[in-house]
Structures are given as structure tokens and as C-alpha cells.
């Protein structure tokens, strides 16, 4: 599974670059320098990611931490361990 990450200020990348980089996306977007305005998302598809990015102003105040996956990342899902508690 290929993974690409964007960990930068938003003026360093375009929305199209992010969308083209994968099929599923996880991460966060900080909209202000004070980090009190966050968008957090987990395993969204291209359509949902396009919706998230459509109203974001890609400038120096916006910080991106986005992971793009080329397929559904089964590796991030852990096997159940509930049977060990019985």
C-alpha cells in the first residue's frame, strides 16, 4: 500500500495535488494560527475530501497534515482482542 503525506502550510500545495495523491484520506487541517479551528477527518474518499477542501483558503495561515492512501488501509485496523478479556 502506498501512502503519501502532506505536512505543510497550505500555500505549498494545491487541492488538486491532494485529491490526485490517493483514494482515501485521513488527517487534519488547522484553519488559523491559534489551532482552535480544526477540521479532523478519518478515511474519507475522494468525493468527501473534495467537499472538505472546497471552501478552504490555501494560504500561509492554514496548516495541513493529510495522509493519502492508494487503497483502503486495512493495516490501520487492529484485530479484536476482546476474547482475551473473558
Protein backbone atom coordinates (compact mmCIF):
# COMPACT_ATOMS: atom_id res chain seq x y z
CA UNK A 1 0.00 0.00 0.00
CA UNK A 2 1.36 3.40 -0.96
CA UNK A 3 0.92 6.33 1.38
CA UNK A 4 1.67 9.97 0.68
CA UNK A 5 1.68 12.67 3.32
CA UNK A 6 1.24 16.43 3.21
CA UNK A 7 2.57 18.12 6.32
CA UNK A 8 2.95 21.73 5.31
CA UNK A 9 1.46 25.19 5.07
CA UNK A 10 -1.40 25.22 2.58
CA UNK A 11 0.19 27.64 0.12
CA UNK A 12 2.77 24.91 -0.70
CA UNK A 13 0.21 22.53 -2.26
CA UNK A 14 -3.00 22.73 -4.29
CA UNK A 15 -6.29 20.94 -3.63
CA UNK A 16 -5.87 19.07 -6.94
CA UNK A 17 -2.48 17.72 -5.84
CA UNK A 18 -4.05 16.35 -2.67
CA UNK A 19 -7.02 14.77 -4.46
CA UNK A 20 -4.80 13.16 -7.12
CA UNK A 21 -2.50 11.67 -4.48
CA UNK A 22 -4.78 8.90 -3.23
CA UNK A 23 -8.14 7.21 -2.91
CA UNK A 24 -8.70 7.57 0.85
CA UNK A 25 -7.57 10.37 3.17
CA UNK A 26 -7.04 10.95 6.90
CA UNK A 27 -5.68 13.92 8.76
CA UNK A 28 -6.35 17.41 9.99
CA UNK A 29 -6.47 20.96 8.71
CA UNK A 30 -5.75 23.87 11.03
CA UNK A 31 -7.53 26.95 9.70
CA UNK A 32 -5.95 29.58 11.96
CA UNK A 33 -2.56 30.09 13.58
CA UNK A 34 -4.01 29.53 17.06
CA UNK A 35 -5.01 25.90 16.28
CA UNK A 36 -8.50 26.43 17.71
CA UNK A 37 -10.14 25.97 14.32
CA UNK A 38 -9.55 22.40 13.18
CA UNK A 39 -11.08 20.03 10.68
CA UNK A 40 -10.30 16.41 11.52
CA UNK A 41 -11.21 13.56 9.18
CA UNK A 42 -10.54 9.83 9.02
CA UNK A 43 -10.60 7.58 5.95
CA UNK A 44 -12.72 9.76 3.69
CA UNK A 45 -12.96 9.08 -0.04
CA UNK A 46 -12.10 11.49 -2.88
CA UNK A 47 -15.62 12.91 -3.07
CA UNK A 48 -15.68 13.71 0.65
CA UNK A 49 -12.13 15.11 0.52
CA UNK A 50 -13.10 17.40 -2.36
CA UNK A 51 -16.02 18.64 -0.24
CA UNK A 52 -13.71 19.28 2.75
CA UNK A 53 -11.20 21.21 0.64
CA UNK A 54 -13.63 23.25 -1.47
CA UNK A 55 -14.03 26.20 0.93
CA UNK A 56 -10.52 26.27 2.37
CA UNK A 57 -8.39 29.28 1.57
CA UNK A 58 -4.98 27.80 0.71
CA UNK A 59 -2.79 30.44 2.36
CA UNK A 60 0.02 30.64 4.91
CA UNK A 61 -2.32 30.53 7.92
CA UNK A 62 -3.69 27.10 7.02
CA UNK A 63 -1.66 24.07 8.14
CA UNK A 64 -2.18 20.66 6.55
CA UNK A 65 -1.46 17.23 7.93
CA UNK A 66 -3.01 14.86 5.42
CA UNK A 67 -2.26 11.21 4.67
CA UNK A 68 -3.38 9.85 1.31
CA UNK A 69 -3.76 6.11 0.75
CA UNK A 70 -3.98 4.37 -2.63
CA UNK A 71 -6.32 1.72 -1.18
CA UNK A 72 -8.34 1.10 1.96
CA UNK A 73 -5.67 0.84 4.68
CA UNK A 74 -6.53 -2.41 6.43
CA UNK A 75 -3.21 -2.22 8.26
CA UNK A 76 -4.51 0.58 10.50
CA UNK A 77 -7.33 -1.60 11.74
CA UNK A 78 -6.41 -3.78 14.69
CA UNK A 79 -7.70 -7.28 15.27
CA UNK A 80 -10.16 -7.62 18.08
CA UNK A 81 -8.69 -8.60 21.43
CA UNK A 82 -11.97 -8.72 23.33
CA UNK A 83 -11.84 -12.52 23.59
CA UNK A 84 -8.78 -12.17 25.90
CA UNK A 85 -10.95 -10.40 28.48
CA UNK A 86 -13.27 -13.39 29.04
